[in-house]
Amino acid sequence: MAQYSAPLDGVLVALADPTRRAVIRRLGHGPLSVGDLASEFPMTLPSFMKHVRTLETNGLIRTVKTGRVRTCVLSRERLALVDDWLAEQRRIWAERTDRLEEFVTNPEENSP
């Protein structure tokens, strides 16, 4: 995985906002209309639509319009980018702490 990739940056920026994280959490239970989602937040519909567009632009949700109703669906595969990045970071830090533990528990073997 490239250390810095535009899709990962976009996903992390989108998830940095608590409203957008709440939308993702809510959509984890199933698709919902924009109106149903917006009713849970104390903001105007145009302001809420900016959050929806940010999530959609970064591939975290898809929207489908049927008649006058726009339904939001979570794109779970996009969340895998964050999961993969976090797994890589955990692996790196686990290796570092393992080396530190080895150095602390066996100082004679690690001295020059």
PDB file of N, CA and C in Angstrom:
ATOM      1  N   MET A   1       0.839  -1.181   0.000  1.00  0.00           N
ATOM      2  CA  MET A   1       0.000   0.000   0.000  1.00  0.00           C
ATOM      3  C   MET A   1       0.876   1.233   0.000  1.00  0.00           C
ATOM      4  N   ALA A   2       0.567   2.153  -0.876  1.00  0.00           N
ATOM      5  CA  ALA A   2       1.301   3.405  -0.881  1.00  0.00           C
ATOM      6  C   ALA A   2       1.050   4.132   0.423  1.00  0.00           C
ATOM      7  N   GLN A   3       2.115   4.745   0.922  1.00  0.00           N
ATOM      8  CA  GLN A   3       1.969   5.408   2.225  1.00  0.00           C
ATOM      9  C   GLN A   3       0.932   6.531   2.155  1.00  0.00           C
ATOM     10  N   TYR A   4       0.951   7.269   1.083  1.00  0.00           N
ATOM     11  CA  TYR A   4      -0.019   8.343   0.928  1.00  0.00           C
ATOM     12  C   TYR A   4      -0.756   8.130  -0.383  1.00  0.00           C
ATOM     13  N   SER A   5      -2.028   7.928  -0.287  1.00  0.00           N
ATOM     14  CA  SER A   5      -2.811   7.776  -1.504  1.00  0.00           C
ATOM     15  C   SER A   5      -4.005   8.711  -1.418  1.00  0.00           C
ATOM     16  N   ALA A   6      -4.361   9.256  -2.549  1.00  0.00           N
ATOM     17  CA  ALA A   6      -5.463  10.220  -2.590  1.00  0.00           C
ATOM     18  C   ALA A   6      -6.776   9.619  -2.103  1.00  0.00           C
ATOM     19  N   PRO A   7      -7.129   8.391  -2.500  1.00  0.00           N
ATOM     20  CA  PRO A   7      -8.389   7.829  -1.988  1.00  0.00           C
ATOM     21  C   PRO A   7      -8.401   7.697  -0.466  1.00  0.00           C
ATOM     22  N   LEU A   8      -7.286   7.240   0.112  1.00  0.00           N
ATOM     23  CA  LEU A   8      -7.229   7.112   1.580  1.00  0.00           C
ATOM     24  C   LEU A   8      -7.322   8.488   2.230  1.00  0.00           C
ATOM     25  N   ASP A   9      -6.629   9.464   1.670  1.00  0.00           N
ATOM     26  CA  ASP A   9      -6.714  10.829   2.212  1.00  0.00           C
ATOM     27  C   ASP A   9      -8.156  11.330   2.190  1.00  0.00           C
ATOM     28  N   GLY A  10      -8.844  11.096   1.091  1.00  0.00           N
ATOM     29  CA  GLY A  10     -10.229  11.536   0.976  1.00  0.00           C
ATOM     30  C   GLY A  10     -11.140  10.863   1.987  1.00  0.00           C
ATOM     31  N   VAL A  11     -10.952   9.570   2.170  1.00  0.00           N
ATOM     32  CA  VAL A  11     -11.775   8.826   3.135  1.00  0.00           C
ATOM     33  C   VAL A  11     -11.516   9.339   4.547  1.00  0.00           C
ATOM     34  N   LEU A  12     -10.250   9.557   4.887  1.00  0.00           N
ATOM     35  CA  LEU A  12      -9.924  10.038   6.237  1.00  0.00           C
ATOM     36  C   LEU A  12     -10.471  11.444   6.469  1.00  0.00           C
ATOM     37  N   VAL A  13     -10.395  12.306   5.461  1.00  0.00           N
ATOM     38  CA  VAL A  13     -10.963  13.654   5.595  1.00  0.00           C
ATOM     39  C   VAL A  13     -12.477  13.563   5.779  1.00  0.00           C
ATOM     40  N   ALA A  14     -13.112  12.708   4.996  1.00  0.00           N
ATOM     41  CA  ALA A  14     -14.575  12.560   5.115  1.00  0.00           C
ATOM     42  C   ALA A  14     -14.960  12.048   6.502  1.00  0.00           C
ATOM     43  N   LEU A  15     -14.176  11.128   7.042  1.00  0.00           N
ATOM     44  CA  LEU A  15     -14.496  10.554   8.349  1.00  0.00           C
ATOM     45  C   LEU A  15     -14.081  11.451   9.513  1.00  0.00           C
ATOM     46  N   ALA A  16     -13.391  12.536   9.228  1.00  0.00           N
ATOM     47  CA  ALA A  16     -12.952  13.429  10.300  1.00  0.00           C
ATOM     48  C   ALA A  16     -14.116  14.211  10.909  1.00  0.00           C
ATOM     49  N   ASP A  17     -15.222  14.297  10.205  1.00  0.00           N
ATOM     50  CA  ASP A  17     -16.365  15.067  10.692  1.00  0.00           C
ATOM     51  C   ASP A  17     -17.323  14.160  11.475  1.00  0.00           C
ATOM     52  N   PRO A  18     -17.757  14.576  12.680  1.00  0.00           N
ATOM     53  CA  PRO A  18     -18.639  13.713  13.488  1.00  0.00           C
ATOM     54  C   PRO A  18     -20.002  13.456  12.846  1.00  0.00           C
ATOM     55  N   THR A  19     -20.524  14.418  12.095  1.00  0.00           N
ATOM     56  CA  THR A  19     -21.818  14.189  11.422  1.00  0.00           C
ATOM     57  C   THR A  19     -21.676  13.090  10.380  1.00  0.00           C
ATOM     58  N   ARG A  20     -20.596  13.147   9.613  1.00  0.00           N
ATOM     59  CA  ARG A  20     -20.400  12.137   8.565  1.00  0.00           C
ATOM     60  C   ARG A  20     -20.143  10.759   9.172  1.00  0.00           C
ATOM     61  N   ARG A  21     -19.415  10.721  10.300  1.00  0.00           N
ATOM     62  CA  ARG A  21     -19.216   9.422  10.964  1.00  0.00           C
ATOM     63  C   ARG A  21     -20.543   8.874  11.466  1.00  0.00           C
ATOM     64  N   ALA A  22     -21.398   9.756  11.977  1.00  0.00           N
ATOM     65  CA  ALA A  22     -22.715   9.311  12.454  1.00  0.00           C
ATOM     66  C   ALA A  22     -23.554   8.767  11.297  1.00  0.00           C
ATOM     67  N   VAL A  23     -23.453   9.393  10.134  1.00  0.00           N
ATOM     68  CA  VAL A  23     -24.178   8.902   8.959  1.00  0.00           C
ATOM     69  C   VAL A  23     -23.669   7.512   8.582  1.00  0.00           C
ATOM     70  N   ILE A  24     -22.351   7.346   8.578  1.00  0.00           N
ATOM     71  CA  ILE A  24     -21.777   6.032   8.255  1.00  0.00           C
ATOM     72  C   ILE A  24     -22.262   4.986   9.257  1.00  0.00           C
ATOM     73  N   ARG A  25     -22.239   5.345  10.540  1.00  0.00           N
ATOM     74  CA  ARG A  25     -22.691   4.418  11.591  1.00  0.00           C
ATOM     75  C   ARG A  25     -24.161   4.045  11.377  1.00  0.00           C
ATOM     76  N   ARG A  26     -24.969   5.043  11.056  1.00  0.00           N
ATOM     77  CA  ARG A  26     -26.404   4.801  10.849  1.00  0.00           C
ATOM     78  C   ARG A  26     -26.642   3.931   9.620  1.00  0.00           C
ATOM     79  N   LEU A  27     -25.893   4.167   8.555  1.00  0.00           N
ATOM     80  CA  LEU A  27     -26.061   3.372   7.336  1.00  0.00           C
ATOM     81  C   LEU A  27     -25.522   1.954   7.503  1.00  0.00           C
ATOM     82  N   GLY A  28     -24.747   1.731   8.547  1.00  0.00           N
ATOM     83  CA  GLY A  28     -24.284   0.370   8.830  1.00  0.00           C
ATOM     84  C   GLY A  28     -25.427  -0.573   9.170  1.00  0.00           C
ATOM     85  N   HIS A  29     -26.573  -0.005   9.537  1.00  0.00           N
ATOM     86  CA  HIS A  29     -27.754  -0.817   9.841  1.00  0.00           C
ATOM     87  C   HIS A  29     -28.633  -1.045   8.620  1.00  0.00           C
ATOM     88  N   GLY A  30     -28.321  -0.329   7.529  1.00  0.00           N
ATOM     89  CA  GLY A  30     -29.106  -0.515   6.315  1.00  0.00           C
ATOM     90  C   GLY A  30     -29.338   0.810   5.607  1.00  0.00           C
ATOM     91  N   PRO A  31     -29.771   0.747   4.348  1.00  0.00           N
ATOM     92  CA  PRO A  31     -30.011   1.958   3.565  1.00  0.00           C
ATOM     93  C   PRO A  31     -31.111   2.820   4.185  1.00  0.00           C
ATOM     94  N   LEU A  32     -30.978   4.125   4.006  1.00  0.00           N
ATOM     95  CA  LEU A  32     -31.976   5.088   4.490  1.00  0.00           C
ATOM     96  C   LEU A  32     -32.099   6.223   3.493  1.00  0.00           C
ATOM     97  N   SER A  33     -33.245   6.844   3.486  1.00  0.00           N
ATOM     98  CA  SER A  33     -33.429   8.018   2.626  1.00  0.00           C
ATOM     99  C   SER A  33     -32.684   9.196   3.239  1.00  0.00           C
ATOM    100  N   VAL A  34     -32.349  10.155   2.393  1.00  0.00           N
ATOM    101  CA  VAL A  34     -31.673  11.362   2.874  1.00  0.00           C
ATOM    102  C   VAL A  34     -32.549  12.076   3.898  1.00  0.00           C
ATOM    103  N   GLY A  35     -33.847  12.114   3.653  1.00  0.00           N
ATOM    104  CA  GLY A  35     -34.758  12.768   4.584  1.00  0.00           C
ATOM    105  C   GLY A  35     -34.752  12.116   5.953  1.00  0.00           C
ATOM    106  N   ASP A  36     -34.756  10.782   5.987  1.00  0.00           N
ATOM    107  CA  ASP A  36     -34.715  10.070   7.271  1.00  0.00           C
ATOM    108  C   ASP A  36     -33.389  10.331   7.986  1.00  0.00           C
ATOM    109  N   LEU A  37     -32.306  10.304   7.223  1.00  0.00           N
ATOM    110  CA  LEU A  37     -30.990  10.566   7.838  1.00  0.00           C
ATOM    111  C   LEU A  37     -30.911  11.995   8.354  1.00  0.00           C
ATOM    112  N   ALA A  38     -31.364  12.938   7.547  1.00  0.00           N
ATOM    113  CA  ALA A  38     -31.259  14.354   7.917  1.00  0.00           C
ATOM    114  C   ALA A  38     -32.091  14.691   9.140  1.00  0.00           C
ATOM    115  N   SER A  39     -33.189  13.967   9.351  1.00  0.00           N
ATOM    116  CA  SER A  39     -34.070  14.287  10.489  1.00  0.00           C
ATOM    117  C   SER A  39     -33.375  14.065  11.824  1.00  0.00           C
ATOM    118  N   GLU A  40     -32.290  13.311  11.837  1.00  0.00           N
ATOM    119  CA  GLU A  40     -31.567  13.014  13.071  1.00  0.00           C
ATOM    120  C   GLU A  40     -30.557  14.099  13.441  1.00  0.00           C
ATOM    121  N   PHE A  41     -30.352  15.061  12.553  1.00  0.00           N
ATOM    122  CA  PHE A  41     -29.311  16.061  12.793  1.00  0.00           C
ATOM    123  C   PHE A  41     -29.917  17.465  12.833  1.00  0.00           C
ATOM    124  N   PRO A  42     -29.430  18.294  13.765  1.00  0.00           N
ATOM    125  CA  PRO A  42     -29.980  19.640  13.884  1.00  0.00           C
ATOM    126  C   PRO A  42     -29.358  20.607  12.880  1.00  0.00           C
ATOM    127  N   MET A  43     -29.702  20.420  11.604  1.00  0.00           N
ATOM    128  CA  MET A  43     -29.186  21.314  10.561  1.00  0.00           C
ATOM    129  C   MET A  43     -30.176  21.319   9.411  1.00  0.00           C
ATOM    130  N   THR A  44     -30.008  22.289   8.542  1.00  0.00           N
ATOM    131  CA  THR A  44     -30.904  22.380   7.387  1.00  0.00           C
ATOM    132  C   THR A  44     -30.565  21.281   6.389  1.00  0.00           C
ATOM    133  N   LEU A  45     -31.532  20.961   5.549  1.00  0.00           N
ATOM    134  CA  LEU A  45     -31.306  19.918   4.540  1.00  0.00           C
ATOM    135  C   LEU A  45     -30.163  20.281   3.584  1.00  0.00           C
ATOM    136  N   PRO A  46     -30.062  21.536   3.118  1.00  0.00           N
ATOM    137  CA  PRO A  46     -28.921  21.863   2.246  1.00  0.00           C
ATOM    138  C   PRO A  46     -27.568  21.644   2.941  1.00  0.00           C
ATOM    139  N   SER A  47     -27.492  21.978   4.226  1.00  0.00           N
ATOM    140  CA  SER A  47     -26.240  21.733   4.958  1.00  0.00           C
ATOM    141  C   SER A  47     -25.976  20.242   5.076  1.00  0.00           C
ATOM    142  N   PHE A  48     -27.022  19.467   5.341  1.00  0.00           N
ATOM    143  CA  PHE A  48     -26.843  18.019   5.451  1.00  0.00           C
ATOM    144  C   PHE A  48     -26.428  17.413   4.112  1.00  0.00           C
ATOM    145  N   MET A  49     -26.964  17.964   3.020  1.00  0.00           N
ATOM    146  CA  MET A  49     -26.612  17.445   1.688  1.00  0.00           C
ATOM    147  C   MET A  49     -25.130  17.630   1.378  1.00  0.00           C
ATOM    148  N   LYS A  50     -24.503  18.663   1.963  1.00  0.00           N
ATOM    149  CA  LYS A  50     -23.056  18.833   1.763  1.00  0.00           C
ATOM    150  C   LYS A  50     -22.298  17.652   2.366  1.00  0.00           C
ATOM    151  N   HIS A  51     -22.759  17.173   3.511  1.00  0.00           N
ATOM    152  CA  HIS A  51     -22.133  15.996   4.117  1.00  0.00           C
ATOM    153  C   HIS A  51     -22.354  14.761   3.247  1.00  0.00           C
ATOM    154  N   VAL A  52     -23.563  14.622   2.724  1.00  0.00           N
ATOM    155  CA  VAL A  52     -23.865  13.481   1.852  1.00  0.00           C
ATOM    156  C   VAL A  52     -22.976  13.522   0.618  1.00  0.00           C
ATOM    157  N   ARG A  53     -22.825  14.691   0.026  1.00  0.00           N
ATOM    158  CA  ARG A  53     -21.978  14.808  -1.179  1.00  0.00           C
ATOM    159  C   ARG A  53     -20.519  14.475  -0.857  1.00  0.00           C
ATOM    160  N   THR A  54     -20.035  14.916   0.292  1.00  0.00           N
ATOM    161  CA  THR A  54     -18.650  14.599   0.669  1.00  0.00           C
ATOM    162  C   THR A  54     -18.472  13.091   0.815  1.00  0.00           C
ATOM    163  N   LEU A  55     -19.420  12.443   1.477  1.00  0.00           N
ATOM    164  CA  LEU A  55     -19.330  10.985   1.637  1.00  0.00           C
ATOM    165  C   LEU A  55     -19.428  10.281   0.288  1.00  0.00           C
ATOM    166  N   GLU A  56     -20.285  10.765  -0.575  1.00  0.00           N
ATOM    167  CA  GLU A  56     -20.465  10.151  -1.890  1.00  0.00           C
ATOM    168  C   GLU A  56     -19.244  10.391  -2.772  1.00  0.00           C
ATOM    169  N   THR A  57     -18.700  11.588  -2.742  1.00  0.00           N
ATOM    170  CA  THR A  57     -17.522  11.924  -3.544  1.00  0.00           C
ATOM    171  C   THR A  57     -16.334  11.045  -3.163  1.00  0.00           C
ATOM    172  N   ASN A  58     -16.230  10.730  -1.892  1.00  0.00           N
ATOM    173  CA  ASN A  58     -15.105   9.907  -1.429  1.00  0.00           C
ATOM    174  C   ASN A  58     -15.420   8.420  -1.430  1.00  0.00           C
ATOM    175  N   GLY A  59     -16.554   8.046  -2.002  1.00  0.00           N
ATOM    176  CA  GLY A  59     -16.878   6.643  -2.211  1.00  0.00           C
ATOM    177  C   GLY A  59     -17.356   5.887  -0.982  1.00  0.00           C
ATOM    178  N   LEU A  60     -17.671   6.611   0.086  1.00  0.00           N
ATOM    179  CA  LEU A  60     -18.121   5.915   1.295  1.00  0.00           C
ATOM    180  C   LEU A  60     -19.593   5.532   1.240  1.00  0.00           C
ATOM    181  N   ILE A  61     -20.372   6.274   0.469  1.00  0.00           N
ATOM    182  CA  ILE A  61     -21.777   5.923   0.277  1.00  0.00           C
ATOM    183  C   ILE A  61     -22.121   6.063  -1.194  1.00  0.00           C
ATOM    184  N   ARG A  62     -23.206   5.400  -1.565  1.00  0.00           N
ATOM    185  CA  ARG A  62     -23.798   5.574  -2.895  1.00  0.00           C
ATOM    186  C   ARG A  62     -25.213   6.088  -2.672  1.00  0.00           C
ATOM    187  N   THR A  63     -25.706   6.875  -3.584  1.00  0.00           N
ATOM    188  CA  THR A  63     -27.094   7.306  -3.479  1.00  0.00           C
ATOM    189  C   THR A  63     -27.830   6.876  -4.734  1.00  0.00           C
ATOM    190  N   VAL A  64     -29.078   6.518  -4.528  1.00  0.00           N
ATOM    191  CA  VAL A  64     -29.941   6.106  -5.627  1.00  0.00           C
ATOM    192  C   VAL A  64     -31.221   6.918  -5.514  1.00  0.00           C
ATOM    193  N   LYS A  65     -31.590   7.540  -6.626  1.00  0.00           N
ATOM    194  CA  LYS A  65     -32.795   8.356  -6.610  1.00  0.00           C
ATOM    195  C   LYS A  65     -33.927   7.602  -7.284  1.00  0.00           C
ATOM    196  N   THR A  66     -35.019   7.440  -6.531  1.00  0.00           N
ATOM    197  CA  THR A  66     -36.215   6.797  -7.067  1.00  0.00           C
ATOM    198  C   THR A  66     -37.364   7.781  -6.873  1.00  0.00           C
ATOM    199  N   GLY A  67     -37.813   8.361  -7.965  1.00  0.00           N
ATOM    200  CA  GLY A  67     -38.845   9.392  -7.850  1.00  0.00           C
ATOM    201  C   GLY A  67     -38.266  10.604  -7.148  1.00  0.00           C
ATOM    202  N   ARG A  68     -38.892  10.973  -6.034  1.00  0.00           N
ATOM    203  CA  ARG A  68     -38.415  12.137  -5.272  1.00  0.00           C
ATOM    204  C   ARG A  68     -37.569  11.747  -4.077  1.00  0.00           C
ATOM    205  N   VAL A  69     -37.352  10.456  -3.914  1.00  0.00           N
ATOM    206  CA  VAL A  69     -36.615   9.982  -2.736  1.00  0.00           C
ATOM    207  C   VAL A  69     -35.204   9.573  -3.134  1.00  0.00           C
ATOM    208  N   ARG A  70     -34.228  10.141  -2.434  1.00  0.00           N
ATOM    209  CA  ARG A  70     -32.824   9.750  -2.634  1.00  0.00           C
ATOM    210  C   ARG A  70     -32.431   8.867  -1.461  1.00  0.00           C
ATOM    211  N   THR A  71     -32.016   7.643  -1.767  1.00  0.00           N
ATOM    212  CA  THR A  71     -31.648   6.676  -0.738  1.00  0.00           C
ATOM    213  C   THR A  71     -30.140   6.526  -0.686  1.00  0.00           C
ATOM    214  N   CYS A  72     -29.590   6.506   0.540  1.00  0.00           N
ATOM    215  CA  CYS A  72     -28.148   6.358   0.756  1.00  0.00           C
ATOM    216  C   CYS A  72     -27.842   4.924   1.151  1.00  0.00           C
ATOM    217  N   VAL A  73     -26.762   4.402   0.567  1.00  0.00           N
ATOM    218  CA  VAL A  73     -26.316   3.040   0.850  1.00  0.00           C
ATOM    219  C   VAL A  73     -24.839   3.092   1.189  1.00  0.00           C
ATOM    220  N   LEU A  74     -24.444   2.419   2.245  1.00  0.00           N
ATOM    221  CA  LEU A  74     -23.040   2.383   2.660  1.00  0.00           C
ATOM    222  C   LEU A  74     -22.214   1.549   1.688  1.00  0.00           C
ATOM    223  N   SER A  75     -21.038   2.043   1.321  1.00  0.00           N
ATOM    224  CA  SER A  75     -20.100   1.292   0.472  1.00  0.00           C
ATOM    225  C   SER A  75     -19.013   0.722   1.377  1.00  0.00           C
ATOM    226  N   ARG A  76     -19.249  -0.462   1.862  1.00  0.00           N
ATOM    227  CA  ARG A  76     -18.348  -1.063   2.854  1.00  0.00           C
ATOM    228  C   ARG A  76     -16.940  -1.294   2.307  1.00  0.00           C
ATOM    229  N   GLU A  77     -16.822  -1.546   1.012  1.00  0.00           N
ATOM    230  CA  GLU A  77     -15.503  -1.823   0.442  1.00  0.00           C
ATOM    231  C   GLU A  77     -14.570  -0.617   0.570  1.00  0.00           C
ATOM    232  N   ARG A  78     -15.138   0.584   0.570  1.00  0.00           N
ATOM    233  CA  ARG A  78     -14.288   1.774   0.702  1.00  0.00           C
ATOM    234  C   ARG A  78     -13.712   1.882   2.113  1.00  0.00           C
ATOM    235  N   LEU A  79     -14.465   1.404   3.097  1.00  0.00           N
ATOM    236  CA  LEU A  79     -13.958   1.414   4.471  1.00  0.00           C
ATOM    237  C   LEU A  79     -12.761   0.482   4.623  1.00  0.00           C
ATOM    238  N   ALA A  80     -12.615  -0.471   3.698  1.00  0.00           N
ATOM    239  CA  ALA A  80     -11.477  -1.388   3.745  1.00  0.00           C
ATOM    240  C   ALA A  80     -10.160  -0.629   3.595  1.00  0.00           C
ATOM    241  N   LEU A  81     -10.179   0.512   2.897  1.00  0.00           N
ATOM    242  CA  LEU A  81      -8.953   1.317   2.783  1.00  0.00           C
ATOM    243  C   LEU A  81      -8.442   1.711   4.160  1.00  0.00           C
ATOM    244  N   VAL A  82      -9.346   2.153   5.019  1.00  0.00           N
ATOM    245  CA  VAL A  82      -8.961   2.565   6.374  1.00  0.00           C
ATOM    246  C   VAL A  82      -8.515   1.348   7.177  1.00  0.00           C
ATOM    247  N   ASP A  83      -9.251   0.259   7.029  1.00  0.00           N
ATOM    248  CA  ASP A  83      -8.907  -0.964   7.755  1.00  0.00           C
ATOM    249  C   ASP A  83      -7.514  -1.462   7.356  1.00  0.00           C
ATOM    250  N   ASP A  84      -7.213  -1.446   6.059  1.00  0.00           N
ATOM    251  CA  ASP A  84      -5.893  -1.877   5.583  1.00  0.00           C
ATOM    252  C   ASP A  84      -4.789  -0.964   6.125  1.00  0.00           C
ATOM    253  N   TRP A  85      -5.047   0.344   6.108  1.00  0.00           N
ATOM    254  CA  TRP A  85      -4.043   1.298   6.602  1.00  0.00           C
ATOM    255  C   TRP A  85      -3.793   1.089   8.096  1.00  0.00           C
ATOM    256  N   LEU A  86      -4.880   0.914   8.858  1.00  0.00           N
ATOM    257  CA  LEU A  86      -4.725   0.684  10.300  1.00  0.00           C
ATOM    258  C   LEU A  86      -3.998  -0.638  10.579  1.00  0.00           C
ATOM    259  N   ALA A  87      -4.284  -1.667   9.791  1.00  0.00           N
ATOM    260  CA  ALA A  87      -3.596  -2.951   9.975  1.00  0.00           C
ATOM    261  C   ALA A  87      -2.099  -2.790   9.732  1.00  0.00           C
ATOM    262  N   GLU A  88      -1.734  -2.019   8.701  1.00  0.00           N
ATOM    263  CA  GLU A  88      -0.321  -1.769   8.428  1.00  0.00           C
ATOM    264  C   GLU A  88       0.333  -1.018   9.587  1.00  0.00           C
ATOM    265  N   GLN A  89      -0.359  -0.017  10.125  1.00  0.00           N
ATOM    266  CA  GLN A  89       0.199   0.734  11.252  1.00  0.00           C
ATOM    267  C   GLN A  89       0.351  -0.149  12.489  1.00  0.00           C
ATOM    268  N   ARG A  90      -0.635  -1.018  12.744  1.00  0.00           N
ATOM    269  CA  ARG A  90      -0.541  -1.937  13.897  1.00  0.00           C
ATOM    270  C   ARG A  90       0.658  -2.862  13.743  1.00  0.00           C
ATOM    271  N   ARG A  91       0.870  -3.376  12.510  1.00  0.00           N
ATOM    272  CA  ARG A  91       1.992  -4.282  12.257  1.00  0.00           C
ATOM    273  C   ARG A  91       3.314  -3.574  12.506  1.00  0.00           C
ATOM    274  N   ILE A  92       3.451  -2.349  12.008  1.00  0.00           N
ATOM    275  CA  ILE A  92       4.685  -1.582  12.186  1.00  0.00           C
ATOM    276  C   ILE A  92       4.962  -1.360  13.668  1.00  0.00           C
ATOM    277  N   TRP A  93       3.936  -0.948  14.428  1.00  0.00           N
ATOM    278  CA  TRP A  93       4.146  -0.663  15.854  1.00  0.00           C
ATOM    279  C   TRP A  93       4.358  -1.932  16.659  1.00  0.00           C
ATOM    280  N   ALA A  94       3.732  -3.025  16.252  1.00  0.00           N
ATOM    281  CA  ALA A  94       3.958  -4.296  16.949  1.00  0.00           C
ATOM    282  C   ALA A  94       5.413  -4.740  16.772  1.00  0.00           C
ATOM    283  N   GLU A  95       5.943  -4.577  15.558  1.00  0.00           N
ATOM    284  CA  GLU A  95       7.348  -4.934  15.319  1.00  0.00           C
ATOM    285  C   GLU A  95       8.278  -4.057  16.163  1.00  0.00           C
ATOM    286  N   ARG A  96       7.968  -2.782  16.237  1.00  0.00           N
ATOM    287  CA  ARG A  96       8.812  -1.869  17.032  1.00  0.00           C
ATOM    288  C   ARG A  96       8.766  -2.222  18.511  1.00  0.00           C
ATOM    289  N   THR A  97       7.594  -2.494  19.033  1.00  0.00           N
ATOM    290  CA  THR A  97       7.510  -2.833  20.460  1.00  0.00           C
ATOM    291  C   THR A  97       8.138  -4.188  20.739  1.00  0.00           C
ATOM    292  N   ASP A  98       8.057  -5.116  19.774  1.00  0.00           N
ATOM    293  CA  ASP A  98       8.730  -6.401  19.947  1.00  0.00           C
ATOM    294  C   ASP A  98      10.245  -6.211  20.032  1.00  0.00           C
ATOM    295  N   ARG A  99      10.800  -5.348  19.172  1.00  0.00           N
ATOM    296  CA  ARG A  99      12.247  -5.080  19.213  1.00  0.00           C
ATOM    297  C   ARG A  99      12.631  -4.396  20.518  1.00  0.00           C
ATOM    298  N   LEU A 100      11.803  -3.471  20.992  1.00  0.00           N
ATOM    299  CA  LEU A 100      12.077  -2.792  22.263  1.00  0.00           C
ATOM    300  C   LEU A 100      12.022  -3.782  23.424  1.00  0.00           C
ATOM    301  N   GLU A 101      11.032  -4.669  23.400  1.00  0.00           N
ATOM    302  CA  GLU A 101      10.924  -5.680  24.453  1.00  0.00           C
ATOM    303  C   GLU A 101      12.163  -6.578  24.450  1.00  0.00           C
ATOM    304  N   GLU A 102      12.617  -6.979  23.277  1.00  0.00           N
ATOM    305  CA  GLU A 102      13.807  -7.817  23.155  1.00  0.00           C
ATOM    306  C   GLU A 102      15.030  -7.076  23.698  1.00  0.00           C
ATOM    307  N   PHE A 103      15.139  -5.797  23.394  1.00  0.00           N
ATOM    308  CA  PHE A 103      16.266  -5.000  23.862  1.00  0.00           C
ATOM    309  C   PHE A 103      16.246  -4.858  25.383  1.00  0.00           C
ATOM    310  N   VAL A 104      15.058  -4.658  25.970  1.00  0.00           N
ATOM    311  CA  VAL A 104      14.941  -4.449  27.412  1.00  0.00           C
ATOM    312  C   VAL A 104      15.122  -5.752  28.180  1.00  0.00           C
ATOM    313  N   THR A 105      14.585  -6.846  27.675  1.00  0.00           N
ATOM    314  CA  THR A 105      14.655  -8.117  28.408  1.00  0.00           C
ATOM    315  C   THR A 105      15.989  -8.830  28.239  1.00  0.00           C
ATOM    316  N   ASN A 106      16.721  -8.568  27.165  1.00  0.00           N
ATOM    317  CA  ASN A 106      18.012  -9.205  26.932  1.00  0.00           C
ATOM    318  C   ASN A 106      19.075  -8.155  26.614  1.00  0.00           C
ATOM    319  N   PRO A 107      19.412  -7.269  27.582  1.00  0.00           N
ATOM    320  CA  PRO A 107      20.355  -6.178  27.276  1.00  0.00           C
ATOM    321  C   PRO A 107      21.760  -6.685  26.929  1.00  0.00           C
ATOM    322  N   GLU A 108      22.186  -7.823  27.492  1.00  0.00           N
ATOM    323  CA  GLU A 108      23.534  -8.322  27.188  1.00  0.00           C
ATOM    324  C   GLU A 108      23.659  -8.751  25.735  1.00  0.00           C
ATOM    325  N   GLU A 109      22.635  -9.380  25.209  1.00  0.00           N
ATOM    326  CA  GLU A 109      22.670  -9.844  23.826  1.00  0.00           C
ATOM    327  C   GLU A 109      22.607  -8.686  22.828  1.00  0.00           C
ATOM    328  N   ASN A 110      22.061  -7.561  23.270  1.00  0.00           N
ATOM    329  CA  ASN A 110      21.885  -6.442  22.356  1.00  0.00           C
ATOM    330  C   ASN A 110      22.956  -5.378  22.487  1.00  0.00           C
ATOM    331  N   SER A 111      23.936  -5.553  23.407  1.00  0.00           N
ATOM    332  CA  SER A 111      24.980  -4.547  23.538  1.00  0.00           C
ATOM    333  C   SER A 111      26.104  -4.851  22.561  1.00  0.00           C
ATOM    334  N   PRO A 112      26.755  -3.808  22.026  1.00  0.00           N
ATOM    335  CA  PRO A 112      27.816  -4.019  21.030  1.00  0.00           C
ATOM    336  C   PRO A 112      29.075  -4.592  21.619  1.00  0.00           C
TER     337      PRO A 112
END
